[in-house]
Amino acid sequence: MDLGTVTSYREATGRHDLRLGPGERPLGGGTWLFSQPQPGTTGLVDLTTLGWPAYERLGDGSLRIAATCTVAELLALPWDEQAPGPGALARTCADALLMSFKIQAAATVGGNLCLALPAGAMLALTAALGGQVLVWTPEGGERREPVTEFVTGVGATTLAPGEVLRAIDLPASVLQARTAGRRMALTPRGRSSALVLGRADAHATTLTVTAATTRPVVLEVPHGAGHRALEEALAVVDCWYEDAHGAADWRRAVTGLLAAEVLDELTEPAPAGQRPSTGREETP
């Protein structure tokens, strides 16, 4: 879609270029920005010209994913393929977006987070892997916070005026974790109504719920606690979402079923030499 209100475009080459003027908007992949009219937007500032590497290993072993990293680049990362871990979970989430290969080559991880939509699959992935956002502030500083706190509601984040999402850091401890995922939609090619991603940690199974809630919700079930602990954790969730893709009570019930399946998969030992399923798509 042509943005008829846009009269200027400039390429960012450093932080000094990120001071946005009235009506200017940062541009990443642009797959959402150009999908509908943007009233009040008169200028675009291209972030992709900053030259951020799609990913980099930090000194502590954590993985930094640039906000401008595309979905295709994320899938091409050298994930550890020896176990059903984050790499398989990334594929599950990318498939949940139901986008063409052309969109995957343009849509960015940072854009998906900043949109803060319940069905944002890159948001789900980074939340499930314990990601922390790195935000550049307009004064030249930076701040960090968990992805689960960065998104506060439907289309709402903690980004203040002038702030720019720089990257998402995934801790080293989760990069070898065993993972599993389940997705539910009303139709085979429909937007996710419920998405549950899990990882097996040292002392608990961590489950992240998105699509069915207005913001990412993380549940921890101690090893051996079983379904009772999961039901108790779900009982206190107070942000169930309702729209054309599902009623809140239905989403609550479906999430419980999906979460139980993920919990069972991650608490059972994997058969020797066999990779258990890391993602399953279901429709009513």
C-alpha atoms as a PDB file:
ATOM      1  CA  MET A   1       0.000   0.000   0.000  1.00  0.00           C
ATOM      2  CA  ASP A   2       1.211   3.482  -0.811  1.00  0.00           C
ATOM      3  CA  LEU A   3       1.424   5.776   2.192  1.00  0.00           C
ATOM      4  CA  GLY A   4       0.106   8.974   0.676  1.00  0.00           C
ATOM      5  CA  THR A   5       0.915  11.080   3.732  1.00  0.00           C
ATOM      6  CA  VAL A   6       4.654  10.293   3.671  1.00  0.00           C
ATOM      7  CA  THR A   7       6.763  13.072   2.198  1.00  0.00           C
ATOM      8  CA  SER A   8      10.241  12.195   3.500  1.00  0.00           C
ATOM      9  CA  TYR A   9      12.513   9.182   3.885  1.00  0.00           C
ATOM     10  CA  ARG A  10      15.971   8.998   5.381  1.00  0.00           C
ATOM     11  CA  GLU A  11      18.447   6.241   6.173  1.00  0.00           C
ATOM     12  CA  ALA A  12      19.748   5.937   9.711  1.00  0.00           C
ATOM     13  CA  THR A  13      23.504   5.416  10.008  1.00  0.00           C
ATOM     14  CA  GLY A  14      23.938   6.036  13.739  1.00  0.00           C
ATOM     15  CA  ARG A  15      22.089   6.859  16.933  1.00  0.00           C
ATOM     16  CA  HIS A  16      22.060  10.548  16.043  1.00  0.00           C
ATOM     17  CA  ASP A  17      19.705   9.690  13.174  1.00  0.00           C
ATOM     18  CA  LEU A  18      17.163   8.155  15.525  1.00  0.00           C
ATOM     19  CA  ARG A  19      15.907  11.455  16.861  1.00  0.00           C
ATOM     20  CA  LEU A  20      12.539  11.393  15.182  1.00  0.00           C
ATOM     21  CA  GLY A  21      10.856  14.577  14.061  1.00  0.00           C
ATOM     22  CA  PRO A  22       7.105  15.216  14.177  1.00  0.00           C
ATOM     23  CA  GLY A  23       5.307  12.605  12.078  1.00  0.00           C
ATOM     24  CA  GLU A  24       8.387  10.409  11.576  1.00  0.00           C
ATOM     25  CA  ARG A  25       8.174   6.664  12.173  1.00  0.00           C
ATOM     26  CA  PRO A  26      10.965   4.066  12.376  1.00  0.00           C
ATOM     27  CA  LEU A  27      10.942   1.561   9.510  1.00  0.00           C
ATOM     28  CA  GLY A  28      12.088  -2.036   9.872  1.00  0.00           C
ATOM     29  CA  GLY A  29      10.656  -4.628   7.519  1.00  0.00           C
ATOM     30  CA  GLY A  30       7.576  -2.530   6.857  1.00  0.00           C
ATOM     31  CA  THR A  31       5.302  -5.527   6.317  1.00  0.00           C
ATOM     32  CA  TRP A  32       2.745  -4.126   8.750  1.00  0.00           C
ATOM     33  CA  LEU A  33       3.511  -0.451   8.238  1.00  0.00           C
ATOM     34  CA  PHE A  34       2.679  -0.658   4.532  1.00  0.00           C
ATOM     35  CA  SER A  35      -0.319  -2.942   5.014  1.00  0.00           C
ATOM     36  CA  GLN A  36      -2.768  -0.209   5.964  1.00  0.00           C
ATOM     37  CA  PRO A  37      -3.079   3.594   6.071  1.00  0.00           C
ATOM     38  CA  GLN A  38      -0.934   5.347   8.680  1.00  0.00           C
ATOM     39  CA  PRO A  39      -2.635   8.679   9.414  1.00  0.00           C
ATOM     40  CA  GLY A  40      -0.243  11.269  10.749  1.00  0.00           C
ATOM     41  CA  THR A  41       2.859   9.540   9.427  1.00  0.00           C
ATOM     42  CA  THR A  42       4.793  11.991   7.254  1.00  0.00           C
ATOM     43  CA  GLY A  43       8.313  10.545   7.308  1.00  0.00           C
ATOM     44  CA  LEU A  44      10.124   7.218   7.551  1.00  0.00           C
ATOM     45  CA  VAL A  45      13.504   6.540   9.163  1.00  0.00           C
ATOM     46  CA  ASP A  46      15.042   3.296   7.901  1.00  0.00           C
ATOM     47  CA  LEU A  47      16.583   1.202  10.695  1.00  0.00           C
ATOM     48  CA  THR A  48      17.916  -1.499   8.383  1.00  0.00           C
ATOM     49  CA  THR A  49      20.715   0.812   7.214  1.00  0.00           C
ATOM     50  CA  LEU A  50      22.244   0.825  10.704  1.00  0.00           C
ATOM     51  CA  GLY A  51      24.019  -2.412   9.810  1.00  0.00           C
ATOM     52  CA  TRP A  52      23.137  -4.387  12.936  1.00  0.00           C
ATOM     53  CA  PRO A  53      24.171  -8.038  12.558  1.00  0.00           C
ATOM     54  CA  ALA A  54      21.141 -10.324  12.556  1.00  0.00           C
ATOM     55  CA  TYR A  55      22.599 -12.151  15.545  1.00  0.00           C
ATOM     56  CA  GLU A  56      25.754 -12.257  17.636  1.00  0.00           C
ATOM     57  CA  ARG A  57      27.094 -14.274  20.524  1.00  0.00           C
ATOM     58  CA  LEU A  58      27.858 -12.189  23.583  1.00  0.00           C
ATOM     59  CA  GLY A  59      30.685 -12.782  26.017  1.00  0.00           C
ATOM     60  CA  ASP A  60      28.475 -14.546  28.550  1.00  0.00           C
ATOM     61  CA  GLY A  61      27.251 -17.047  25.944  1.00  0.00           C
ATOM     62  CA  SER A  62      23.893 -15.389  25.412  1.00  0.00           C
ATOM     63  CA  LEU A  63      22.484 -14.839  21.940  1.00  0.00           C
ATOM     64  CA  ARG A  64      21.642 -11.322  20.768  1.00  0.00           C
ATOM     65  CA  ILE A  65      19.007 -11.052  18.055  1.00  0.00           C
ATOM     66  CA  ALA A  66      18.855  -7.658  16.370  1.00  0.00           C
ATOM     67  CA  ALA A  67      15.488  -5.943  16.207  1.00  0.00           C
ATOM     68  CA  THR A  68      16.024  -5.781  12.426  1.00  0.00           C
ATOM     69  CA  CYS A  69      16.655  -9.529  12.153  1.00  0.00           C
ATOM     70  CA  THR A  70      14.116 -10.963   9.738  1.00  0.00           C
ATOM     71  CA  VAL A  71      12.090 -14.092  10.388  1.00  0.00           C
ATOM     72  CA  ALA A  72      14.030 -15.843   7.612  1.00  0.00           C
ATOM     73  CA  GLU A  73      17.355 -14.880   9.216  1.00  0.00           C
ATOM     74  CA  LEU A  74      16.113 -16.108  12.582  1.00  0.00           C
ATOM     75  CA  LEU A  75      15.304 -19.513  11.117  1.00  0.00           C
ATOM     76  CA  ALA A  76      18.764 -19.659   9.538  1.00  0.00           C
ATOM     77  CA  LEU A  77      20.586 -19.136  12.854  1.00  0.00           C
ATOM     78  CA  PRO A  78      22.976 -21.962  13.822  1.00  0.00           C
ATOM     79  CA  TRP A  79      20.637 -23.394  16.431  1.00  0.00           C
ATOM     80  CA  ASP A  80      21.728 -26.610  18.121  1.00  0.00           C
ATOM     81  CA  GLU A  81      19.943 -29.327  16.157  1.00  0.00           C
ATOM     82  CA  GLN A  82      21.011 -32.196  18.406  1.00  0.00           C
ATOM     83  CA  ALA A  83      17.866 -31.893  20.487  1.00  0.00           C
ATOM     84  CA  PRO A  84      14.350 -30.479  20.031  1.00  0.00           C
ATOM     85  CA  GLY A  85      15.373 -27.105  21.354  1.00  0.00           C
ATOM     86  CA  PRO A  86      14.997 -23.408  20.498  1.00  0.00           C
ATOM     87  CA  GLY A  87      15.634 -23.954  16.791  1.00  0.00           C
ATOM     88  CA  ALA A  88      12.643 -26.252  16.482  1.00  0.00           C
ATOM     89  CA  LEU A  89      10.581 -23.863  18.560  1.00  0.00           C
ATOM     90  CA  ALA A  90      11.558 -21.016  16.220  1.00  0.00           C
ATOM     91  CA  ARG A  91      10.234 -23.009  13.277  1.00  0.00           C
ATOM     92  CA  THR A  92       6.990 -23.724  15.146  1.00  0.00           C
ATOM     93  CA  CYS A  93       6.530 -19.997  15.783  1.00  0.00           C
ATOM     94  CA  ALA A  94       7.434 -18.943  12.246  1.00  0.00           C
ATOM     95  CA  ASP A  95       4.912 -21.413  10.861  1.00  0.00           C
ATOM     96  CA  ALA A  96       2.306 -20.044  13.272  1.00  0.00           C
ATOM     97  CA  LEU A  97       2.634 -16.654  11.552  1.00  0.00           C
ATOM     98  CA  LEU A  98       1.297 -18.240   8.321  1.00  0.00           C
ATOM     99  CA  MET A  99       3.363 -15.884   6.176  1.00  0.00           C
ATOM    100  CA  SER A 100       4.831 -16.446   2.729  1.00  0.00           C
ATOM    101  CA  PHE A 101       8.570 -16.834   2.209  1.00  0.00           C
ATOM    102  CA  LYS A 102       8.594 -13.302   0.778  1.00  0.00           C
ATOM    103  CA  ILE A 103       7.131 -11.872   3.975  1.00  0.00           C
ATOM    104  CA  GLN A 104       9.489 -13.973   6.109  1.00  0.00           C
ATOM    105  CA  ALA A 105      12.375 -12.366   4.215  1.00  0.00           C
ATOM    106  CA  ALA A 106      11.185  -8.866   5.168  1.00  0.00           C
ATOM    107  CA  ALA A 107       9.250  -9.047   8.465  1.00  0.00           C
ATOM    108  CA  THR A 108      11.462  -8.382  11.489  1.00  0.00           C
ATOM    109  CA  VAL A 109      11.560  -9.873  14.956  1.00  0.00           C
ATOM    110  CA  GLY A 110      11.622  -6.404  16.520  1.00  0.00           C
ATOM    111  CA  GLY A 111       8.615  -5.295  14.515  1.00  0.00           C
ATOM    112  CA  ASN A 112       6.641  -8.288  15.732  1.00  0.00           C
ATOM    113  CA  LEU A 113       7.453  -7.412  19.343  1.00  0.00           C
ATOM    114  CA  CYS A 114       6.666  -3.725  18.958  1.00  0.00           C
ATOM    115  CA  LEU A 115       3.272  -4.485  17.386  1.00  0.00           C
ATOM    116  CA  ALA A 116       2.482  -6.399  20.600  1.00  0.00           C
ATOM    117  CA  LEU A 117      -0.372  -8.355  19.065  1.00  0.00           C
ATOM    118  CA  PRO A 118      -1.631 -11.390  21.015  1.00  0.00           C
ATOM    119  CA  ALA A 119      -0.881 -13.674  18.043  1.00  0.00           C
ATOM    120  CA  GLY A 120       2.650 -12.289  17.590  1.00  0.00           C
ATOM    121  CA  ALA A 121       4.654 -15.482  17.196  1.00  0.00           C
ATOM    122  CA  MET A 122       8.120 -13.897  17.456  1.00  0.00           C
ATOM    123  CA  LEU A 123       6.885 -12.238  20.628  1.00  0.00           C
ATOM    124  CA  ALA A 124       5.856 -15.683  21.864  1.00  0.00           C
ATOM    125  CA  LEU A 125       9.213 -17.212  20.962  1.00  0.00           C
ATOM    126  CA  THR A 126      11.376 -14.600  22.674  1.00  0.00           C
ATOM    127  CA  ALA A 127       9.148 -14.602  25.759  1.00  0.00           C
ATOM    128  CA  ALA A 128       9.286 -18.398  25.974  1.00  0.00           C
ATOM    129  CA  LEU A 129      13.085 -18.343  25.764  1.00  0.00           C
ATOM    130  CA  GLY A 130      13.430 -15.854  28.612  1.00  0.00           C
ATOM    131  CA  GLY A 131      14.403 -13.002  26.327  1.00  0.00           C
ATOM    132  CA  GLN A 132      15.286  -9.518  27.505  1.00  0.00           C
ATOM    133  CA  VAL A 133      14.855  -6.462  25.302  1.00  0.00           C
ATOM    134  CA  LEU A 134      17.592  -3.878  24.891  1.00  0.00           C
ATOM    135  CA  VAL A 135      16.050  -0.448  24.317  1.00  0.00           C
ATOM    136  CA  TRP A 136      17.952   2.640  23.204  1.00  0.00           C
ATOM    137  CA  THR A 137      16.756   5.801  24.891  1.00  0.00           C
ATOM    138  CA  PRO A 138      16.739   9.215  23.165  1.00  0.00           C
ATOM    139  CA  GLU A 139      19.284  10.599  25.659  1.00  0.00           C
ATOM    140  CA  GLY A 140      21.905   8.124  24.428  1.00  0.00           C
ATOM    141  CA  GLY A 141      21.432   5.556  27.180  1.00  0.00           C
ATOM    142  CA  GLU A 142      19.831   2.146  27.210  1.00  0.00           C
ATOM    143  CA  ARG A 143      17.564   0.051  29.360  1.00  0.00           C
ATOM    144  CA  ARG A 144      16.703  -3.630  29.626  1.00  0.00           C
ATOM    145  CA  GLU A 145      13.645  -5.558  30.701  1.00  0.00           C
ATOM    146  CA  PRO A 146      12.117  -9.003  30.131  1.00  0.00           C
ATOM    147  CA  VAL A 147      10.021  -9.448  27.007  1.00  0.00           C
ATOM    148  CA  THR A 148       7.151 -10.432  29.292  1.00  0.00           C
ATOM    149  CA  GLU A 149       7.240  -6.969  30.878  1.00  0.00           C
ATOM    150  CA  PHE A 150       7.963  -5.087  27.653  1.00  0.00           C
ATOM    151  CA  VAL A 151       4.521  -5.995  26.301  1.00  0.00           C
ATOM    152  CA  THR A 152       1.783  -4.707  28.582  1.00  0.00           C
ATOM    153  CA  GLY A 153      -1.368  -5.365  26.540  1.00  0.00           C
ATOM    154  CA  VAL A 154      -2.849  -5.579  23.064  1.00  0.00           C
ATOM    155  CA  GLY A 155      -0.758  -3.231  20.924  1.00  0.00           C
ATOM    156  CA  ALA A 156       0.875  -1.727  24.024  1.00  0.00           C
ATOM    157  CA  THR A 157       4.517  -1.776  25.120  1.00  0.00           C
ATOM    158  CA  THR A 158       6.689   0.151  27.540  1.00  0.00           C
ATOM    159  CA  LEU A 159       8.431   2.032  24.706  1.00  0.00           C
ATOM    160  CA  ALA A 160       8.447   5.735  25.501  1.00  0.00           C
ATOM    161  CA  PRO A 161       8.495   8.442  22.805  1.00  0.00           C
ATOM    162  CA  GLY A 162      11.893   8.482  21.110  1.00  0.00           C
ATOM    163  CA  GLU A 163      12.910   5.031  22.312  1.00  0.00           C
ATOM    164  CA  VAL A 164      13.993   2.366  19.812  1.00  0.00           C
ATOM    165  CA  LEU A 165      14.119  -1.401  20.300  1.00  0.00           C
ATOM    166  CA  ARG A 166      17.731  -2.390  19.570  1.00  0.00           C
ATOM    167  CA  ALA A 167      17.826  -6.134  20.257  1.00  0.00           C
ATOM    168  CA  ILE A 168      16.521  -9.117  22.170  1.00  0.00           C
ATOM    169  CA  ASP A 169      18.996 -11.109  24.253  1.00  0.00           C
ATOM    170  CA  LEU A 170      18.388 -14.819  24.899  1.00  0.00           C
ATOM    171  CA  PRO A 171      20.235 -16.210  27.937  1.00  0.00           C
ATOM    172  CA  ALA A 172      22.800 -18.945  27.372  1.00  0.00           C
ATOM    173  CA  SER A 173      20.988 -21.230  29.813  1.00  0.00           C
ATOM    174  CA  VAL A 174      17.987 -21.689  27.499  1.00  0.00           C
ATOM    175  CA  LEU A 175      19.867 -22.281  24.250  1.00  0.00           C
ATOM    176  CA  GLN A 176      20.264 -25.994  25.000  1.00  0.00           C
ATOM    177  CA  ALA A 177      16.869 -26.462  26.634  1.00  0.00           C
ATOM    178  CA  ARG A 178      14.423 -29.110  25.510  1.00  0.00           C
ATOM    179  CA  THR A 179      11.272 -27.490  24.127  1.00  0.00           C
ATOM    180  CA  ALA A 180       7.767 -28.251  22.903  1.00  0.00           C
ATOM    181  CA  GLY A 181       4.869 -26.247  21.513  1.00  0.00           C
ATOM    182  CA  ARG A 182       1.172 -26.485  20.724  1.00  0.00           C
ATOM    183  CA  ARG A 183      -1.042 -24.168  18.680  1.00  0.00           C
ATOM    184  CA  MET A 184      -4.808 -23.946  18.224  1.00  0.00           C
ATOM    185  CA  ALA A 185      -6.696 -21.998  15.559  1.00  0.00           C
ATOM    186  CA  LEU A 186     -10.305 -21.964  14.427  1.00  0.00           C
ATOM    187  CA  THR A 187      -9.256 -22.869  10.873  1.00  0.00           C
ATOM    188  CA  PRO A 188      -6.164 -24.608   9.452  1.00  0.00           C
ATOM    189  CA  ARG A 189      -4.881 -21.325   8.027  1.00  0.00           C
ATOM    190  CA  GLY A 190      -6.328 -19.025  10.664  1.00  0.00           C
ATOM    191  CA  ARG A 191      -4.683 -16.722  13.162  1.00  0.00           C
ATOM    192  CA  SER A 192      -3.582 -18.445  16.359  1.00  0.00           C
ATOM    193  CA  SER A 193      -6.296 -18.578  19.002  1.00  0.00           C
ATOM    194  CA  ALA A 194      -3.990 -20.141  21.577  1.00  0.00           C
ATOM    195  CA  LEU A 195      -0.257 -20.804  21.544  1.00  0.00           C
ATOM    196  CA  VAL A 196       1.591 -22.590  24.357  1.00  0.00           C
ATOM    197  CA  LEU A 197       5.375 -22.923  24.266  1.00  0.00           C
ATOM    198  CA  GLY A 198       7.350 -24.816  26.877  1.00  0.00           C
ATOM    199  CA  ARG A 199      10.914 -25.469  27.887  1.00  0.00           C
ATOM    200  CA  ALA A 200      12.341 -27.872  30.450  1.00  0.00           C
ATOM    201  CA  ASP A 201      14.525 -26.054  32.977  1.00  0.00           C
ATOM    202  CA  ALA A 202      16.620 -27.492  35.784  1.00  0.00           C
ATOM    203  CA  HIS A 203      13.899 -27.453  38.438  1.00  0.00           C
ATOM    204  CA  ALA A 204      10.685 -26.712  36.573  1.00  0.00           C
ATOM    205  CA  THR A 205       8.868 -26.747  33.278  1.00  0.00           C
ATOM    206  CA  THR A 206       8.311 -23.205  32.047  1.00  0.00           C
ATOM    207  CA  LEU A 207       5.204 -22.646  29.926  1.00  0.00           C
ATOM    208  CA  THR A 208       4.521 -19.432  28.030  1.00  0.00           C
ATOM    209  CA  VAL A 209       0.955 -18.635  26.955  1.00  0.00           C
ATOM    210  CA  THR A 210       0.224 -16.185  24.130  1.00  0.00           C
ATOM    211  CA  ALA A 211      -2.498 -15.574  21.527  1.00  0.00           C
ATOM    212  CA  ALA A 212      -5.139 -16.493  24.131  1.00  0.00           C
ATOM    213  CA  THR A 213      -4.058 -13.664  26.438  1.00  0.00           C
ATOM    214  CA  THR A 214      -3.628  -9.914  26.033  1.00  0.00           C
ATOM    215  CA  ARG A 215       0.047 -10.210  26.976  1.00  0.00           C
ATOM    216  CA  PRO A 216       2.534 -13.083  27.380  1.00  0.00           C
ATOM    217  CA  VAL A 217       1.966 -15.125  30.528  1.00  0.00           C
ATOM    218  CA  VAL A 218       4.696 -17.357  31.960  1.00  0.00           C
ATOM    219  CA  LEU A 219       3.800 -20.310  34.181  1.00  0.00           C
ATOM    220  CA  GLU A 220       6.324 -22.387  36.091  1.00  0.00           C
ATOM    221  CA  VAL A 221       5.417 -25.934  37.102  1.00  0.00           C
ATOM    222  CA  PRO A 222       7.975 -27.551  39.448  1.00  0.00           C
ATOM    223  CA  HIS A 223       9.152 -30.978  38.384  1.00  0.00           C
ATOM    224  CA  GLY A 224       6.880 -33.614  39.859  1.00  0.00           C
ATOM    225  CA  ALA A 225       4.075 -31.160  40.656  1.00  0.00           C
ATOM    226  CA  GLY A 226       1.937 -32.383  37.756  1.00  0.00           C
ATOM    227  CA  HIS A 227      -1.343 -31.136  36.362  1.00  0.00           C
ATOM    228  CA  ARG A 228      -2.654 -29.898  39.701  1.00  0.00           C
ATOM    229  CA  ALA A 229       0.055 -27.234  39.864  1.00  0.00           C
ATOM    230  CA  LEU A 230      -0.617 -26.302  36.248  1.00  0.00           C
ATOM    231  CA  GLU A 231      -4.344 -25.859  36.920  1.00  0.00           C
ATOM    232  CA  GLU A 232      -3.587 -23.696  39.947  1.00  0.00           C
ATOM    233  CA  ALA A 233      -1.240 -21.515  37.878  1.00  0.00           C
ATOM    234  CA  LEU A 234      -3.818 -21.097  35.100  1.00  0.00           C
ATOM    235  CA  ALA A 235      -6.525 -20.243  37.622  1.00  0.00           C
ATOM    236  CA  VAL A 236      -4.881 -16.932  38.509  1.00  0.00           C
ATOM    237  CA  VAL A 237      -4.394 -15.747  34.907  1.00  0.00           C
ATOM    238  CA  ASP A 238      -6.584 -12.652  34.523  1.00  0.00           C
ATOM    239  CA  CYS A 239      -5.907 -11.429  30.972  1.00  0.00           C
ATOM    240  CA  TRP A 240      -7.775 -13.825  28.682  1.00  0.00           C
ATOM    241  CA  TYR A 241      -8.409 -12.310  25.264  1.00  0.00           C
ATOM    242  CA  GLU A 242     -11.573 -12.317  23.194  1.00  0.00           C
ATOM    243  CA  ASP A 243     -12.013 -11.404  19.534  1.00  0.00           C
ATOM    244  CA  ALA A 244     -13.266 -12.945  16.287  1.00  0.00           C
ATOM    245  CA  HIS A 245     -10.749 -15.765  16.661  1.00  0.00           C
ATOM    246  CA  GLY A 246     -12.196 -17.092  19.902  1.00  0.00           C
ATOM    247  CA  ALA A 247     -14.145 -16.339  23.049  1.00  0.00           C
ATOM    248  CA  ALA A 248     -12.218 -15.820  26.269  1.00  0.00           C
ATOM    249  CA  ASP A 249     -13.713 -18.837  28.078  1.00  0.00           C
ATOM    250  CA  TRP A 250     -13.029 -21.110  25.100  1.00  0.00           C
ATOM    251  CA  ARG A 251      -9.458 -19.851  24.878  1.00  0.00           C
ATOM    252  CA  ARG A 252      -9.014 -20.493  28.591  1.00  0.00           C
ATOM    253  CA  ALA A 253     -10.222 -24.086  28.200  1.00  0.00           C
ATOM    254  CA  VAL A 254      -8.145 -24.749  25.078  1.00  0.00           C
ATOM    255  CA  THR A 255      -5.034 -23.300  26.680  1.00  0.00           C
ATOM    256  CA  GLY A 256      -5.447 -25.689  29.599  1.00  0.00           C
ATOM    257  CA  LEU A 257      -5.526 -28.669  27.234  1.00  0.00           C
ATOM    258  CA  LEU A 258      -2.543 -27.489  25.195  1.00  0.00           C
ATOM    259  CA  ALA A 259      -0.522 -26.648  28.301  1.00  0.00           C
ATOM    260  CA  ALA A 260      -1.188 -30.121  29.739  1.00  0.00           C
ATOM    261  CA  GLU A 261       0.078 -31.715  26.515  1.00  0.00           C
ATOM    262  CA  VAL A 262       3.245 -29.599  26.530  1.00  0.00           C
ATOM    263  CA  LEU A 263       3.818 -30.358  30.203  1.00  0.00           C
ATOM    264  CA  ASP A 264       3.417 -34.097  29.610  1.00  0.00           C
ATOM    265  CA  GLU A 265       5.823 -34.044  26.678  1.00  0.00           C
ATOM    266  CA  LEU A 266       8.513 -32.182  28.573  1.00  0.00           C
ATOM    267  CA  THR A 267       8.257 -34.203  31.773  1.00  0.00           C
ATOM    268  CA  GLU A 268       8.538 -37.552  30.001  1.00  0.00           C
ATOM    269  CA  PRO A 269      12.054 -38.665  29.015  1.00  0.00           C
ATOM    270  CA  ALA A 270      12.680 -38.565  25.285  1.00  0.00           C
ATOM    271  CA  PRO A 271      13.119 -42.014  23.690  1.00  0.00           C
ATOM    272  CA  ALA A 272      16.758 -42.774  23.003  1.00  0.00           C
ATOM    273  CA  GLY A 273      17.748 -41.670  19.522  1.00  0.00           C
ATOM    274  CA  GLN A 274      14.320 -40.235  18.785  1.00  0.00           C
ATOM    275  CA  ARG A 275      13.361 -36.569  18.565  1.00  0.00           C
ATOM    276  CA  PRO A 276       9.967 -35.978  20.147  1.00  0.00           C
ATOM    277  CA  SER A 277       7.488 -33.633  18.520  1.00  0.00           C
ATOM    278  CA  THR A 278       8.191 -29.947  19.098  1.00  0.00           C
ATOM    279  CA  GLY A 279       5.044 -28.452  17.673  1.00  0.00           C
ATOM    280  CA  ARG A 280       1.569 -29.448  16.714  1.00  0.00           C
ATOM    281  CA  GLU A 281      -1.178 -27.453  15.101  1.00  0.00           C
ATOM    282  CA  GLU A 282      -4.789 -28.203  15.953  1.00  0.00           C
ATOM    283  CA  THR A 283      -8.184 -26.964  14.876  1.00  0.00           C
ATOM    284  CA  PRO A 284     -11.527 -27.633  16.541  1.00  0.00           C
END
